[in-house]
Amino acid sequence: MENRVLKGEEADQLILQLLMDAGHPLTTREVQMETQKRLVRCPDSTAVFLNKLRLSGAIHGEMSKERRGWIWWV
């Protein structure tokens, strides 16, 4: 079964909800795994989409040496 591509507000809301539900920062890979569990995917690659949300101010993100990649939170 192919994952459904989310668009617009639906994609934004899913990512925001994932990060809020987690209660702690998630890596890009963890966000991608969570979307795959729901059989959906971001409109762009996960990293590009998360960065767009960061640049718009919807989420926060930074590089983490400890977790060896970007981490994201609301």
C-alpha atoms as a PDB file:
ATOM      1  CA  MET A   1       0.000   0.000   0.000  1.00  0.00           C
ATOM      2  CA  GLU A   2       1.369   3.408  -0.972  1.00  0.00           C
ATOM      3  CA  ASN A   3       1.504   6.199   1.589  1.00  0.00           C
ATOM      4  CA  ARG A   4      -0.886   9.094   0.998  1.00  0.00           C
ATOM      5  CA  VAL A   5       0.813  12.445   0.400  1.00  0.00           C
ATOM      6  CA  LEU A   6      -0.498  15.130   2.738  1.00  0.00           C
ATOM      7  CA  LYS A   7      -0.884  18.685   1.516  1.00  0.00           C
ATOM      8  CA  GLY A   8      -1.264  22.143   2.976  1.00  0.00           C
ATOM      9  CA  GLU A   9      -2.897  22.573   6.362  1.00  0.00           C
ATOM     10  CA  GLU A  10      -3.411  18.830   6.814  1.00  0.00           C
ATOM     11  CA  ALA A  11       0.348  18.210   6.572  1.00  0.00           C
ATOM     12  CA  ASP A  12       1.150  21.120   8.906  1.00  0.00           C
ATOM     13  CA  GLN A  13      -1.338  19.929  11.517  1.00  0.00           C
ATOM     14  CA  LEU A  14      -0.090  16.341  11.440  1.00  0.00           C
ATOM     15  CA  ILE A  15       3.511  17.399  12.098  1.00  0.00           C
ATOM     16  CA  LEU A  16       2.481  19.801  14.849  1.00  0.00           C
ATOM     17  CA  GLN A  17       0.373  17.078  16.488  1.00  0.00           C
ATOM     18  CA  LEU A  18       3.194  14.515  16.247  1.00  0.00           C
ATOM     19  CA  LEU A  19       5.618  16.883  17.947  1.00  0.00           C
ATOM     20  CA  MET A  20       3.122  17.894  20.656  1.00  0.00           C
ATOM     21  CA  ASP A  21       2.178  14.280  21.403  1.00  0.00           C
ATOM     22  CA  ALA A  22       5.835  13.243  21.662  1.00  0.00           C
ATOM     23  CA  GLY A  23       6.467  15.613  24.567  1.00  0.00           C
ATOM     24  CA  HIS A  24      10.168  15.843  23.659  1.00  0.00           C
ATOM     25  CA  PRO A  25      12.152  16.801  20.551  1.00  0.00           C
ATOM     26  CA  LEU A  26      12.104  14.256  17.728  1.00  0.00           C
ATOM     27  CA  THR A  27      14.791  13.671  15.134  1.00  0.00           C
ATOM     28  CA  THR A  28      13.992  13.954  11.449  1.00  0.00           C
ATOM     29  CA  ARG A  29      14.157  10.163  11.220  1.00  0.00           C
ATOM     30  CA  GLU A  30      11.699   9.746  14.132  1.00  0.00           C
ATOM     31  CA  VAL A  31       9.234  12.159  12.501  1.00  0.00           C
ATOM     32  CA  GLN A  32       9.523  10.221   9.247  1.00  0.00           C
ATOM     33  CA  MET A  33       8.929   6.900  11.035  1.00  0.00           C
ATOM     34  CA  GLU A  34       5.828   8.305  12.751  1.00  0.00           C
ATOM     35  CA  THR A  35       4.345   9.530   9.471  1.00  0.00           C
ATOM     36  CA  GLN A  36       5.041   6.141   7.869  1.00  0.00           C
ATOM     37  CA  LYS A  37       3.178   4.403  10.718  1.00  0.00           C
ATOM     38  CA  ARG A  38       0.154   6.520   9.778  1.00  0.00           C
ATOM     39  CA  LEU A  39       0.577   5.583   6.092  1.00  0.00           C
ATOM     40  CA  VAL A  40       1.100   9.212   5.099  1.00  0.00           C
ATOM     41  CA  ARG A  41       4.059  11.292   4.003  1.00  0.00           C
ATOM     42  CA  CYS A  42       5.011  14.943   3.811  1.00  0.00           C
ATOM     43  CA  PRO A  43       4.550  16.851   0.536  1.00  0.00           C
ATOM     44  CA  ASP A  44       8.333  17.293   0.188  1.00  0.00           C
ATOM     45  CA  SER A  45      11.024  15.145   1.735  1.00  0.00           C
ATOM     46  CA  THR A  46      10.573  15.090   5.517  1.00  0.00           C
ATOM     47  CA  ALA A  47      13.704  17.183   6.124  1.00  0.00           C
ATOM     48  CA  VAL A  48      12.681  19.852   3.593  1.00  0.00           C
ATOM     49  CA  PHE A  49       9.129  20.036   4.954  1.00  0.00           C
ATOM     50  CA  LEU A  50      10.287  20.306   8.572  1.00  0.00           C
ATOM     51  CA  ASN A  51      12.715  23.059   7.616  1.00  0.00           C
ATOM     52  CA  LYS A  52       9.931  24.986   5.845  1.00  0.00           C
ATOM     53  CA  LEU A  53       7.837  24.767   9.018  1.00  0.00           C
ATOM     54  CA  ARG A  54      10.834  25.972  11.045  1.00  0.00           C
ATOM     55  CA  LEU A  55      11.427  28.928   8.749  1.00  0.00           C
ATOM     56  CA  SER A  56       7.738  29.893   8.987  1.00  0.00           C
ATOM     57  CA  GLY A  57       7.982  29.837  12.802  1.00  0.00           C
ATOM     58  CA  ALA A  58       5.508  26.959  13.235  1.00  0.00           C
ATOM     59  CA  ILE A  59       8.095  24.660  14.863  1.00  0.00           C
ATOM     60  CA  HIS A  60      11.600  24.886  16.279  1.00  0.00           C
ATOM     61  CA  GLY A  61      14.625  22.930  15.136  1.00  0.00           C
ATOM     62  CA  GLU A  62      18.338  22.710  15.690  1.00  0.00           C
ATOM     63  CA  MET A  63      21.270  20.456  14.973  1.00  0.00           C
ATOM     64  CA  SER A  64      22.000  18.003  17.790  1.00  0.00           C
ATOM     65  CA  LYS A  65      25.450  16.468  18.102  1.00  0.00           C
ATOM     66  CA  GLU A  66      24.178  14.007  20.715  1.00  0.00           C
ATOM     67  CA  ARG A  67      21.413  12.693  18.450  1.00  0.00           C
ATOM     68  CA  ARG A  68      23.498  13.081  15.288  1.00  0.00           C
ATOM     69  CA  GLY A  69      21.011  15.096  13.284  1.00  0.00           C
ATOM     70  CA  TRP A  70      18.330  17.740  13.436  1.00  0.00           C
ATOM     71  CA  ILE A  71      15.786  17.677  16.256  1.00  0.00           C
ATOM     72  CA  TRP A  72      12.369  19.303  16.086  1.00  0.00           C
ATOM     73  CA  TRP A  73       9.847  20.518  18.675  1.00  0.00           C
ATOM     74  CA  VAL A  74       6.913  22.888  19.184  1.00  0.00           C
END
